[in-house]
């Protein structure tokens, strides 16, 4: 993985002092591997899946992690697994094997995407949910045979744009779910209102499902992006949930954390905050800056070029430049 930072036209290099071999040895080593999950519906391309594997010996429980959906078909096809890589690393640091699954027709995974997968046709929610579950089952059938995996504890992250159609579906899910679940929701979510989430939770639990819904107020500028942007909000809640159910929760590498590069003092505060946040997000990613302090970034795209193009397009000034980027 290569990361390069360029502030305007000046190359910014960060040099570390020499370390002894012992000092360089990490407490925990994580391995990243990319595989194609075979599935007939996904064709020759299969399902693009990234594995994050901890170096600790023995068998590890498994997290299956997947993405949401954009309103735009084109944006969905530009999606990459790097979007969720920092969150996957969080779990791997606690002794979990993580599989980031790009579902069929998204990103580099095979198959064609039809309108219901990025529209708001509520009648399509049930078949879409079945198809998504089929994709995750295909990934599980492949990953469960890894020598590092022992046990299946699935965590599914996704989103929708419905305003009422999910309530009966969550009643069905509650009736079919026989394990404890944790729901993470911030009240400033721009797509899901608190009353609607309460209705889904009531539908799920009234059908027999077990679901914790902790109270979370505001998370960033939009709570819909809490999982990707606000680890400090959800991490303690997830740790408590895992510990309560006897699952690995303690950080095996508490010293983990890359150096955050700071922009010069004369840069506006919103740009410095956004740049610090951007550095914690997953590849492929790019940060663009304009001559009048316009800025924008893109993260988790299928390729680094897509991320750069998207950041420049969002920057609202043709004179914007890419000042930082990170590929896989």
C-alpha atoms as a PDB file:
ATOM      1  CA  UNK A   1       0.000   0.000   0.000  1.00  0.00           C
ATOM      2  CA  UNK A   2       1.367   3.407  -0.947  1.00  0.00           C
ATOM      3  CA  UNK A   3       0.335   6.721   0.477  1.00  0.00           C
ATOM      4  CA  UNK A   4       1.546  10.065  -0.814  1.00  0.00           C
ATOM      5  CA  UNK A   5       0.700  13.511   0.517  1.00  0.00           C
ATOM      6  CA  UNK A   6       1.110  16.674  -1.546  1.00  0.00           C
ATOM      7  CA  UNK A   7       0.177  20.059  -0.091  1.00  0.00           C
ATOM      8  CA  UNK A   8      -0.611  22.305  -3.054  1.00  0.00           C
ATOM      9  CA  UNK A   9       2.557  22.045  -5.170  1.00  0.00           C
ATOM     10  CA  UNK A  10       4.901  20.964  -2.372  1.00  0.00           C
ATOM     11  CA  UNK A  11       5.651  17.310  -1.678  1.00  0.00           C
ATOM     12  CA  UNK A  12       5.272  16.573   2.020  1.00  0.00           C
ATOM     13  CA  UNK A  13       7.472  13.750   3.288  1.00  0.00           C
ATOM     14  CA  UNK A  14       7.320  12.286   6.778  1.00  0.00           C
ATOM     15  CA  UNK A  15      10.462  10.509   7.900  1.00  0.00           C
ATOM     16  CA  UNK A  16      10.764   8.255  10.930  1.00  0.00           C
ATOM     17  CA  UNK A  17      13.981   7.569  12.798  1.00  0.00           C
ATOM     18  CA  UNK A  18      15.680   4.182  12.572  1.00  0.00           C
ATOM     19  CA  UNK A  19      14.358   1.500  14.867  1.00  0.00           C
ATOM     20  CA  UNK A  20      15.883  -1.698  16.108  1.00  0.00           C
ATOM     21  CA  UNK A  21      14.396  -4.950  14.742  1.00  0.00           C
ATOM     22  CA  UNK A  22      12.800  -5.555  18.147  1.00  0.00           C
ATOM     23  CA  UNK A  23      11.151  -2.123  18.156  1.00  0.00           C
ATOM     24  CA  UNK A  24       9.849  -2.678  14.637  1.00  0.00           C
ATOM     25  CA  UNK A  25       8.138  -5.935  15.567  1.00  0.00           C
ATOM     26  CA  UNK A  26       4.398  -5.285  16.024  1.00  0.00           C
ATOM     27  CA  UNK A  27       2.402  -6.809  18.850  1.00  0.00           C
ATOM     28  CA  UNK A  28      -0.127  -8.038  16.300  1.00  0.00           C
ATOM     29  CA  UNK A  29       0.307  -8.596  12.588  1.00  0.00           C
ATOM     30  CA  UNK A  30      -2.683  -8.283  10.261  1.00  0.00           C
ATOM     31  CA  UNK A  31      -2.746  -9.789   6.785  1.00  0.00           C
ATOM     32  CA  UNK A  32      -4.901  -8.465   3.945  1.00  0.00           C
ATOM     33  CA  UNK A  33      -5.894 -10.845   1.146  1.00  0.00           C
ATOM     34  CA  UNK A  34      -8.320 -10.425  -1.754  1.00  0.00           C
ATOM     35  CA  UNK A  35     -10.286 -13.390  -3.106  1.00  0.00           C
ATOM     36  CA  UNK A  36     -13.077 -14.054  -5.585  1.00  0.00           C
ATOM     37  CA  UNK A  37     -15.975 -15.912  -4.017  1.00  0.00           C
ATOM     38  CA  UNK A  38     -17.393 -18.304  -6.615  1.00  0.00           C
ATOM     39  CA  UNK A  39     -21.111 -17.951  -7.235  1.00  0.00           C
ATOM     40  CA  UNK A  40     -22.954 -18.838 -10.421  1.00  0.00           C
ATOM     41  CA  UNK A  41     -25.080 -15.665 -10.360  1.00  0.00           C
ATOM     42  CA  UNK A  42     -21.934 -13.497 -10.208  1.00  0.00           C
ATOM     43  CA  UNK A  43     -20.368 -15.085 -13.255  1.00  0.00           C
ATOM     44  CA  UNK A  44     -16.638 -15.391 -13.828  1.00  0.00           C
ATOM     45  CA  UNK A  45     -15.854 -12.306 -11.721  1.00  0.00           C
ATOM     46  CA  UNK A  46     -17.421 -13.841  -8.605  1.00  0.00           C
ATOM     47  CA  UNK A  47     -17.877 -11.747  -5.471  1.00  0.00           C
ATOM     48  CA  UNK A  48     -14.952  -9.464  -4.655  1.00  0.00           C
ATOM     49  CA  UNK A  49     -14.057 -10.183  -1.040  1.00  0.00           C
ATOM     50  CA  UNK A  50     -11.245  -8.781   1.107  1.00  0.00           C
ATOM     51  CA  UNK A  51     -10.026 -10.741   4.120  1.00  0.00           C
ATOM     52  CA  UNK A  52      -8.338  -9.204   7.156  1.00  0.00           C
ATOM     53  CA  UNK A  53      -6.615 -11.953   9.145  1.00  0.00           C
ATOM     54  CA  UNK A  54      -5.016 -11.572  12.596  1.00  0.00           C
ATOM     55  CA  UNK A  55      -1.729 -13.345  13.315  1.00  0.00           C
ATOM     56  CA  UNK A  56      -2.826 -14.790  16.659  1.00  0.00           C
ATOM     57  CA  UNK A  57      -2.771 -18.612  16.670  1.00  0.00           C
ATOM     58  CA  UNK A  58      -5.794 -20.879  16.653  1.00  0.00           C
ATOM     59  CA  UNK A  59      -9.333 -20.497  15.368  1.00  0.00           C
ATOM     60  CA  UNK A  60     -11.069 -17.123  15.196  1.00  0.00           C
ATOM     61  CA  UNK A  61     -14.730 -16.090  14.992  1.00  0.00           C
ATOM     62  CA  UNK A  62     -15.817 -14.555  11.709  1.00  0.00           C
ATOM     63  CA  UNK A  63     -17.337 -11.199  10.810  1.00  0.00           C
ATOM     64  CA  UNK A  64     -19.076 -10.892   7.447  1.00  0.00           C
ATOM     65  CA  UNK A  65     -19.148  -7.200   6.627  1.00  0.00           C
ATOM     66  CA  UNK A  66     -20.944  -5.668   3.669  1.00  0.00           C
ATOM     67  CA  UNK A  67     -21.905  -2.278   2.297  1.00  0.00           C
ATOM     68  CA  UNK A  68     -25.021  -0.207   1.729  1.00  0.00           C
ATOM     69  CA  UNK A  69     -26.333   1.189  -1.535  1.00  0.00           C
ATOM     70  CA  UNK A  70     -26.189   4.544  -3.301  1.00  0.00           C
ATOM     71  CA  UNK A  71     -29.024   6.197  -5.196  1.00  0.00           C
ATOM     72  CA  UNK A  72     -26.825   6.116  -8.319  1.00  0.00           C
ATOM     73  CA  UNK A  73     -26.183   2.940 -10.295  1.00  0.00           C
ATOM     74  CA  UNK A  74     -22.834   4.350 -11.407  1.00  0.00           C
ATOM     75  CA  UNK A  75     -21.699   5.086  -7.841  1.00  0.00           C
ATOM     76  CA  UNK A  76     -22.596   1.555  -6.769  1.00  0.00           C
ATOM     77  CA  UNK A  77     -20.483   0.127  -9.574  1.00  0.00           C
ATOM     78  CA  UNK A  78     -17.524   2.287  -8.481  1.00  0.00           C
ATOM     79  CA  UNK A  79     -17.656   0.991  -4.912  1.00  0.00           C
ATOM     80  CA  UNK A  80     -14.667  -0.806  -3.412  1.00  0.00           C
ATOM     81  CA  UNK A  81     -14.112  -2.905  -0.262  1.00  0.00           C
ATOM     82  CA  UNK A  82     -11.581  -0.385   1.035  1.00  0.00           C
ATOM     83  CA  UNK A  83     -14.515   1.712   2.244  1.00  0.00           C
ATOM     84  CA  UNK A  84     -14.922  -0.642   5.214  1.00  0.00           C
ATOM     85  CA  UNK A  85     -11.286  -1.633   5.702  1.00  0.00           C
ATOM     86  CA  UNK A  86     -10.625   0.537   8.811  1.00  0.00           C
ATOM     87  CA  UNK A  87     -13.692  -0.959  10.515  1.00  0.00           C
ATOM     88  CA  UNK A  88     -12.546  -4.460   9.526  1.00  0.00           C
ATOM     89  CA  UNK A  89      -9.152  -3.749  11.070  1.00  0.00           C
ATOM     90  CA  UNK A  90     -10.908  -2.705  14.289  1.00  0.00           C
ATOM     91  CA  UNK A  91     -12.462  -6.175  14.573  1.00  0.00           C
ATOM     92  CA  UNK A  92      -9.295  -7.992  13.475  1.00  0.00           C
ATOM     93  CA  UNK A  93      -7.365  -6.228  16.239  1.00  0.00           C
ATOM     94  CA  UNK A  94      -9.745  -7.952  18.654  1.00  0.00           C
ATOM     95  CA  UNK A  95      -9.101 -11.422  17.268  1.00  0.00           C
ATOM     96  CA  UNK A  96     -11.723 -11.709  14.526  1.00  0.00           C
ATOM     97  CA  UNK A  97     -11.286 -12.831  10.942  1.00  0.00           C
ATOM     98  CA  UNK A  98     -13.144 -10.299   8.788  1.00  0.00           C
ATOM     99  CA  UNK A  99     -14.496 -10.805   5.281  1.00  0.00           C
ATOM    100  CA  UNK A 100     -15.560  -7.600   3.495  1.00  0.00           C
ATOM    101  CA  UNK A 101     -18.007  -8.818   0.862  1.00  0.00           C
ATOM    102  CA  UNK A 102     -18.831  -6.742  -2.219  1.00  0.00           C
ATOM    103  CA  UNK A 103     -22.221  -8.053  -3.277  1.00  0.00           C
ATOM    104  CA  UNK A 104     -23.089  -8.965  -6.861  1.00  0.00           C
ATOM    105  CA  UNK A 105     -23.145  -6.097  -9.394  1.00  0.00           C
ATOM    106  CA  UNK A 106     -21.381  -3.718  -6.981  1.00  0.00           C
ATOM    107  CA  UNK A 107     -17.780  -2.685  -7.504  1.00  0.00           C
ATOM    108  CA  UNK A 108     -15.698  -5.402  -9.155  1.00  0.00           C
ATOM    109  CA  UNK A 109     -18.173  -8.198  -8.378  1.00  0.00           C
ATOM    110  CA  UNK A 110     -19.973  -9.867 -11.273  1.00  0.00           C
ATOM    111  CA  UNK A 111     -23.589  -9.655 -12.547  1.00  0.00           C
ATOM    112  CA  UNK A 112     -25.726  -6.765 -13.760  1.00  0.00           C
ATOM    113  CA  UNK A 113     -27.437  -4.242 -11.495  1.00  0.00           C
ATOM    114  CA  UNK A 114     -31.121  -3.583 -12.033  1.00  0.00           C
ATOM    115  CA  UNK A 115     -33.236  -0.625 -10.897  1.00  0.00           C
ATOM    116  CA  UNK A 116     -34.573  -2.037  -7.577  1.00  0.00           C
ATOM    117  CA  UNK A 117     -31.035  -2.295  -6.215  1.00  0.00           C
ATOM    118  CA  UNK A 118     -30.532   1.444  -6.230  1.00  0.00           C
ATOM    119  CA  UNK A 119     -34.077   2.820  -6.318  1.00  0.00           C
ATOM    120  CA  UNK A 120     -36.765   3.036  -3.650  1.00  0.00           C
ATOM    121  CA  UNK A 121     -39.231   0.390  -4.841  1.00  0.00           C
ATOM    122  CA  UNK A 122     -40.507  -0.884  -1.493  1.00  0.00           C
ATOM    123  CA  UNK A 123     -42.069  -3.951  -3.100  1.00  0.00           C
ATOM    124  CA  UNK A 124     -38.535  -5.107  -3.958  1.00  0.00           C
ATOM    125  CA  UNK A 125     -37.142  -5.087  -0.414  1.00  0.00           C
ATOM    126  CA  UNK A 126     -37.905  -8.737   0.362  1.00  0.00           C
ATOM    127  CA  UNK A 127     -36.346 -10.182  -2.825  1.00  0.00           C
ATOM    128  CA  UNK A 128     -33.351  -7.833  -2.502  1.00  0.00           C
ATOM    129  CA  UNK A 129     -32.827  -8.952   1.105  1.00  0.00           C
ATOM    130  CA  UNK A 130     -33.003 -12.601  -0.003  1.00  0.00           C
ATOM    131  CA  UNK A 131     -30.456 -11.947  -2.754  1.00  0.00           C
ATOM    132  CA  UNK A 132     -28.117 -10.132  -0.376  1.00  0.00           C
ATOM    133  CA  UNK A 133     -28.382 -13.006   2.102  1.00  0.00           C
ATOM    134  CA  UNK A 134     -27.580 -15.449  -0.695  1.00  0.00           C
ATOM    135  CA  UNK A 135     -24.418 -13.476  -1.497  1.00  0.00           C
ATOM    136  CA  UNK A 136     -23.326 -13.532   2.147  1.00  0.00           C
ATOM    137  CA  UNK A 137     -24.059 -17.248   2.406  1.00  0.00           C
ATOM    138  CA  UNK A 138     -21.859 -17.844  -0.645  1.00  0.00           C
ATOM    139  CA  UNK A 139     -19.071 -15.865   1.018  1.00  0.00           C
ATOM    140  CA  UNK A 140     -19.512 -17.782   4.251  1.00  0.00           C
ATOM    141  CA  UNK A 141     -19.407 -21.127   2.475  1.00  0.00           C
ATOM    142  CA  UNK A 142     -16.003 -20.141   1.087  1.00  0.00           C
ATOM    143  CA  UNK A 143     -14.471 -18.393   4.090  1.00  0.00           C
ATOM    144  CA  UNK A 144     -15.609 -20.937   6.714  1.00  0.00           C
ATOM    145  CA  UNK A 145     -13.072 -23.415   5.307  1.00  0.00           C
ATOM    146  CA  UNK A 146     -10.095 -21.179   6.095  1.00  0.00           C
ATOM    147  CA  UNK A 147      -7.847 -22.737   8.754  1.00  0.00           C
ATOM    148  CA  UNK A 148      -8.063 -19.525  10.819  1.00  0.00           C
ATOM    149  CA  UNK A 149     -11.870 -19.588  11.079  1.00  0.00           C
ATOM    150  CA  UNK A 150     -13.860 -21.358  13.758  1.00  0.00           C
ATOM    151  CA  UNK A 151     -17.411 -20.217  14.415  1.00  0.00           C
ATOM    152  CA  UNK A 152     -19.734 -17.831  12.588  1.00  0.00           C
ATOM    153  CA  UNK A 153     -20.807 -14.547  14.106  1.00  0.00           C
ATOM    154  CA  UNK A 154     -22.231 -12.394  11.324  1.00  0.00           C
ATOM    155  CA  UNK A 155     -22.546  -8.626  11.407  1.00  0.00           C
ATOM    156  CA  UNK A 156     -24.399  -7.007   8.529  1.00  0.00           C
ATOM    157  CA  UNK A 157     -24.155  -3.298   7.775  1.00  0.00           C
ATOM    158  CA  UNK A 158     -26.385  -1.731   5.125  1.00  0.00           C
ATOM    159  CA  UNK A 159     -28.894   1.026   4.427  1.00  0.00           C
ATOM    160  CA  UNK A 160     -32.027   1.918   2.494  1.00  0.00           C
ATOM    161  CA  UNK A 161     -34.193   4.874   1.541  1.00  0.00           C
ATOM    162  CA  UNK A 162     -37.585   3.521   2.577  1.00  0.00           C
ATOM    163  CA  UNK A 163     -40.056   5.426   4.705  1.00  0.00           C
ATOM    164  CA  UNK A 164     -42.370   2.584   5.700  1.00  0.00           C
ATOM    165  CA  UNK A 165     -41.731  -0.559   3.664  1.00  0.00           C
ATOM    166  CA  UNK A 166     -39.117  -2.101   5.952  1.00  0.00           C
ATOM    167  CA  UNK A 167     -41.360  -2.441   9.024  1.00  0.00           C
ATOM    168  CA  UNK A 168     -43.117  -5.692   7.955  1.00  0.00           C
ATOM    169  CA  UNK A 169     -39.788  -7.064   6.722  1.00  0.00           C
ATOM    170  CA  UNK A 170     -38.235  -6.484  10.126  1.00  0.00           C
ATOM    171  CA  UNK A 171     -41.154  -8.316  11.725  1.00  0.00           C
ATOM    172  CA  UNK A 172     -40.313 -11.310   9.526  1.00  0.00           C
ATOM    173  CA  UNK A 173     -36.634 -11.003  10.369  1.00  0.00           C
ATOM    174  CA  UNK A 174     -37.418 -10.871  14.090  1.00  0.00           C
ATOM    175  CA  UNK A 175     -39.402 -14.097  13.864  1.00  0.00           C
ATOM    176  CA  UNK A 176     -36.512 -15.823  12.079  1.00  0.00           C
ATOM    177  CA  UNK A 177     -33.655 -14.490  14.234  1.00  0.00           C
ATOM    178  CA  UNK A 178     -32.582 -16.558  17.242  1.00  0.00           C
ATOM    179  CA  UNK A 179     -29.384 -14.767  18.316  1.00  0.00           C
ATOM    180  CA  UNK A 180     -28.827 -11.455  20.140  1.00  0.00           C
ATOM    181  CA  UNK A 181     -28.393  -8.408  17.881  1.00  0.00           C
ATOM    182  CA  UNK A 182     -27.078  -4.897  18.403  1.00  0.00           C
ATOM    183  CA  UNK A 183     -28.542  -1.984  16.443  1.00  0.00           C
ATOM    184  CA  UNK A 184     -26.457   1.164  16.064  1.00  0.00           C
ATOM    185  CA  UNK A 185     -28.458   4.244  15.131  1.00  0.00           C
ATOM    186  CA  UNK A 186     -27.793   7.971  15.583  1.00  0.00           C
ATOM    187  CA  UNK A 187     -30.742  10.329  15.786  1.00  0.00           C
ATOM    188  CA  UNK A 188     -29.313  12.752  13.221  1.00  0.00           C
ATOM    189  CA  UNK A 189     -29.461  10.088  10.493  1.00  0.00           C
ATOM    190  CA  UNK A 190     -30.603  11.923   7.357  1.00  0.00           C
ATOM    191  CA  UNK A 191     -32.433   8.918   5.864  1.00  0.00           C
ATOM    192  CA  UNK A 192     -34.030   7.226   8.875  1.00  0.00           C
ATOM    193  CA  UNK A 193     -36.052   9.214  11.405  1.00  0.00           C
ATOM    194  CA  UNK A 194     -36.161   8.144  15.074  1.00  0.00           C
ATOM    195  CA  UNK A 195     -39.862   7.215  14.947  1.00  0.00           C
ATOM    196  CA  UNK A 196     -39.299   4.984  11.923  1.00  0.00           C
ATOM    197  CA  UNK A 197     -36.376   3.185  13.571  1.00  0.00           C
ATOM    198  CA  UNK A 198     -38.476   2.717  16.712  1.00  0.00           C
ATOM    199  CA  UNK A 199     -41.201   1.123  14.562  1.00  0.00           C
ATOM    200  CA  UNK A 200     -38.685  -1.270  12.979  1.00  0.00           C
ATOM    201  CA  UNK A 201     -37.281  -2.162  16.393  1.00  0.00           C
ATOM    202  CA  UNK A 202     -40.777  -2.783  17.768  1.00  0.00           C
ATOM    203  CA  UNK A 203     -41.645  -4.955  14.763  1.00  0.00           C
ATOM    204  CA  UNK A 204     -38.450  -6.977  15.191  1.00  0.00           C
ATOM    205  CA  UNK A 205     -38.723  -7.536  18.950  1.00  0.00           C
ATOM    206  CA  UNK A 206     -42.490  -8.128  18.997  1.00  0.00           C
ATOM    207  CA  UNK A 207     -41.921 -11.057  16.634  1.00  0.00           C
ATOM    208  CA  UNK A 208     -39.432 -12.622  19.045  1.00  0.00           C
ATOM    209  CA  UNK A 209     -36.169 -11.039  17.945  1.00  0.00           C
ATOM    210  CA  UNK A 210     -33.663  -9.873  20.546  1.00  0.00           C
ATOM    211  CA  UNK A 211     -32.289  -6.417  19.703  1.00  0.00           C
ATOM    212  CA  UNK A 212     -30.454  -3.828  21.769  1.00  0.00           C
ATOM    213  CA  UNK A 213     -30.980  -0.251  20.545  1.00  0.00           C
ATOM    214  CA  UNK A 214     -28.740   2.015  22.640  1.00  0.00           C
ATOM    215  CA  UNK A 215     -29.500   5.723  22.711  1.00  0.00           C
ATOM    216  CA  UNK A 216     -27.081   7.603  20.476  1.00  0.00           C
ATOM    217  CA  UNK A 217     -27.617  11.307  19.929  1.00  0.00           C
ATOM    218  CA  UNK A 218     -25.731  13.159  17.235  1.00  0.00           C
ATOM    219  CA  UNK A 219     -22.912  11.481  15.323  1.00  0.00           C
ATOM    220  CA  UNK A 220     -20.939  13.842  13.104  1.00  0.00           C
ATOM    221  CA  UNK A 221     -22.802  15.899  10.524  1.00  0.00           C
ATOM    222  CA  UNK A 222     -24.975  12.947   9.486  1.00  0.00           C
ATOM    223  CA  UNK A 223     -25.586   9.924  11.673  1.00  0.00           C
ATOM    224  CA  UNK A 224     -26.151   7.781   8.586  1.00  0.00           C
ATOM    225  CA  UNK A 225     -22.361   7.616   8.254  1.00  0.00           C
ATOM    226  CA  UNK A 226     -21.655   6.811  11.898  1.00  0.00           C
ATOM    227  CA  UNK A 227     -20.110   3.410  11.189  1.00  0.00           C
ATOM    228  CA  UNK A 228     -17.627   4.758   8.645  1.00  0.00           C
ATOM    229  CA  UNK A 229     -16.829   8.112  10.254  1.00  0.00           C
ATOM    230  CA  UNK A 230     -17.338   7.869  14.035  1.00  0.00           C
ATOM    231  CA  UNK A 231     -15.616   4.808  15.448  1.00  0.00           C
ATOM    232  CA  UNK A 232     -15.302   6.608  18.800  1.00  0.00           C
ATOM    233  CA  UNK A 233     -19.128   6.561  19.046  1.00  0.00           C
ATOM    234  CA  UNK A 234     -19.901   2.932  18.232  1.00  0.00           C
ATOM    235  CA  UNK A 235     -16.735   1.146  19.398  1.00  0.00           C
ATOM    236  CA  UNK A 236     -17.499   1.198  23.174  1.00  0.00           C
ATOM    237  CA  UNK A 237     -21.032  -0.053  22.509  1.00  0.00           C
ATOM    238  CA  UNK A 238     -19.776  -2.931  20.358  1.00  0.00           C
ATOM    239  CA  UNK A 239     -17.102  -3.838  22.906  1.00  0.00           C
ATOM    240  CA  UNK A 240     -19.703  -3.985  25.689  1.00  0.00           C
ATOM    241  CA  UNK A 241     -22.005  -6.126  23.537  1.00  0.00           C
ATOM    242  CA  UNK A 242     -19.237  -8.574  22.612  1.00  0.00           C
ATOM    243  CA  UNK A 243     -18.004  -8.841  26.197  1.00  0.00           C
ATOM    244  CA  UNK A 244     -21.520  -9.489  27.505  1.00  0.00           C
ATOM    245  CA  UNK A 245     -21.915 -12.424  25.143  1.00  0.00           C
ATOM    246  CA  UNK A 246     -18.493 -13.929  25.771  1.00  0.00           C
ATOM    247  CA  UNK A 247     -17.006 -12.928  22.412  1.00  0.00           C
ATOM    248  CA  UNK A 248     -13.549 -11.417  21.783  1.00  0.00           C
ATOM    249  CA  UNK A 249     -13.607  -7.696  22.529  1.00  0.00           C
ATOM    250  CA  UNK A 250     -10.237  -6.628  23.946  1.00  0.00           C
ATOM    251  CA  UNK A 251      -7.826  -4.756  21.697  1.00  0.00           C
ATOM    252  CA  UNK A 252      -4.783  -6.978  21.086  1.00  0.00           C
ATOM    253  CA  UNK A 253      -2.767  -4.047  19.733  1.00  0.00           C
ATOM    254  CA  UNK A 254      -3.673  -0.919  21.747  1.00  0.00           C
ATOM    255  CA  UNK A 255      -0.654   0.933  20.326  1.00  0.00           C
ATOM    256  CA  UNK A 256      -2.101   0.609  16.809  1.00  0.00           C
ATOM    257  CA  UNK A 257      -2.731   3.838  14.935  1.00  0.00           C
ATOM    258  CA  UNK A 258      -0.936   5.570  12.126  1.00  0.00           C
ATOM    259  CA  UNK A 259       0.508   9.058  12.399  1.00  0.00           C
ATOM    260  CA  UNK A 260      -1.987  11.770  11.495  1.00  0.00           C
ATOM    261  CA  UNK A 261      -0.425  14.361   9.188  1.00  0.00           C
ATOM    262  CA  UNK A 262      -1.417  17.917  10.090  1.00  0.00           C
ATOM    263  CA  UNK A 263      -1.952  20.649   7.537  1.00  0.00           C
ATOM    264  CA  UNK A 264      -0.269  24.054   8.036  1.00  0.00           C
ATOM    265  CA  UNK A 265      -1.729  26.338  10.708  1.00  0.00           C
ATOM    266  CA  UNK A 266      -3.054  28.856   8.176  1.00  0.00           C
ATOM    267  CA  UNK A 267      -5.492  26.319   6.714  1.00  0.00           C
ATOM    268  CA  UNK A 268      -9.169  26.763   7.735  1.00  0.00           C
ATOM    269  CA  UNK A 269     -10.348  24.596  10.608  1.00  0.00           C
ATOM    270  CA  UNK A 270     -12.959  22.709   8.576  1.00  0.00           C
ATOM    271  CA  UNK A 271     -10.305  21.611   6.066  1.00  0.00           C
ATOM    272  CA  UNK A 272      -7.911  20.489   8.796  1.00  0.00           C
ATOM    273  CA  UNK A 273     -10.685  18.520  10.515  1.00  0.00           C
ATOM    274  CA  UNK A 274     -11.805  16.913   7.243  1.00  0.00           C
ATOM    275  CA  UNK A 275      -8.226  16.012   6.307  1.00  0.00           C
ATOM    276  CA  UNK A 276      -7.635  14.366   9.691  1.00  0.00           C
ATOM    277  CA  UNK A 277     -10.893  12.395   9.327  1.00  0.00           C
ATOM    278  CA  UNK A 278     -10.020  11.405   5.753  1.00  0.00           C
ATOM    279  CA  UNK A 279      -6.701   9.895   6.843  1.00  0.00           C
ATOM    280  CA  UNK A 280      -8.544   7.413   9.073  1.00  0.00           C
ATOM    281  CA  UNK A 281     -10.731   6.135   6.227  1.00  0.00           C
ATOM    282  CA  UNK A 282     -10.065   3.269   3.863  1.00  0.00           C
ATOM    283  CA  UNK A 283      -8.405   3.101   0.436  1.00  0.00           C
ATOM    284  CA  UNK A 284      -8.741   3.819  -2.474  1.00  0.00           C
ATOM    285  CA  UNK A 285      -9.110   7.482  -1.514  1.00  0.00           C
ATOM    286  CA  UNK A 286      -8.179  11.024  -2.527  1.00  0.00           C
ATOM    287  CA  UNK A 287      -8.394  14.546  -1.059  1.00  0.00           C
ATOM    288  CA  UNK A 288      -8.801  17.614  -3.308  1.00  0.00           C
ATOM    289  CA  UNK A 289      -8.197  21.270  -2.446  1.00  0.00           C
ATOM    290  CA  UNK A 290      -8.953  24.456  -4.389  1.00  0.00           C
ATOM    291  CA  UNK A 291      -7.311  27.917  -4.473  1.00  0.00           C
ATOM    292  CA  UNK A 292     -10.192  29.494  -2.527  1.00  0.00           C
ATOM    293  CA  UNK A 293     -10.256  26.762   0.143  1.00  0.00           C
ATOM    294  CA  UNK A 294     -12.745  24.540  -1.690  1.00  0.00           C
ATOM    295  CA  UNK A 295     -12.233  20.942  -0.644  1.00  0.00           C
ATOM    296  CA  UNK A 296     -13.673  17.481  -1.128  1.00  0.00           C
ATOM    297  CA  UNK A 297     -12.648  13.878  -0.704  1.00  0.00           C
ATOM    298  CA  UNK A 298     -13.549  10.419  -1.942  1.00  0.00           C
ATOM    299  CA  UNK A 299     -12.985   7.097  -0.171  1.00  0.00           C
ATOM    300  CA  UNK A 300     -13.370   3.368  -0.773  1.00  0.00           C
ATOM    301  CA  UNK A 301     -13.617   3.465  -4.563  1.00  0.00           C
ATOM    302  CA  UNK A 302     -12.973   0.534  -6.878  1.00  0.00           C
ATOM    303  CA  UNK A 303      -9.770   2.153  -8.188  1.00  0.00           C
ATOM    304  CA  UNK A 304      -7.545   5.034  -7.114  1.00  0.00           C
ATOM    305  CA  UNK A 305      -8.259   6.854 -10.395  1.00  0.00           C
ATOM    306  CA  UNK A 306     -12.013   6.805  -9.675  1.00  0.00           C
ATOM    307  CA  UNK A 307     -11.335   8.252  -6.208  1.00  0.00           C
ATOM    308  CA  UNK A 308      -9.199  11.068  -7.636  1.00  0.00           C
ATOM    309  CA  UNK A 309     -11.738  11.916 -10.342  1.00  0.00           C
ATOM    310  CA  UNK A 310     -14.595  11.891  -7.851  1.00  0.00           C
ATOM    311  CA  UNK A 311     -12.768  14.150  -5.362  1.00  0.00           C
ATOM    312  CA  UNK A 312     -11.984  16.670  -8.107  1.00  0.00           C
ATOM    313  CA  UNK A 313     -15.568  16.575  -9.372  1.00  0.00           C
ATOM    314  CA  UNK A 314     -16.912  17.246  -5.881  1.00  0.00           C
ATOM    315  CA  UNK A 315     -14.481  20.106  -5.247  1.00  0.00           C
ATOM    316  CA  UNK A 316     -16.593  22.676  -7.189  1.00  0.00           C
ATOM    317  CA  UNK A 317     -13.650  24.502  -8.769  1.00  0.00           C
ATOM    318  CA  UNK A 318     -11.836  23.445 -11.977  1.00  0.00           C
ATOM    319  CA  UNK A 319      -8.571  24.588 -10.393  1.00  0.00           C
ATOM    320  CA  UNK A 320      -8.810  22.088  -7.533  1.00  0.00           C
ATOM    321  CA  UNK A 321      -5.855  19.738  -7.167  1.00  0.00           C
ATOM    322  CA  UNK A 322      -5.381  16.384  -5.478  1.00  0.00           C
ATOM    323  CA  UNK A 323      -3.214  17.052  -2.431  1.00  0.00           C
ATOM    324  CA  UNK A 324      -3.258  13.534  -0.950  1.00  0.00           C
ATOM    325  CA  UNK A 325      -4.172  10.038  -1.995  1.00  0.00           C
ATOM    326  CA  UNK A 326      -3.860   6.423  -0.902  1.00  0.00           C
ATOM    327  CA  UNK A 327      -4.221   3.286  -2.997  1.00  0.00           C
ATOM    328  CA  UNK A 328      -4.427  -0.333  -1.970  1.00  0.00           C
END
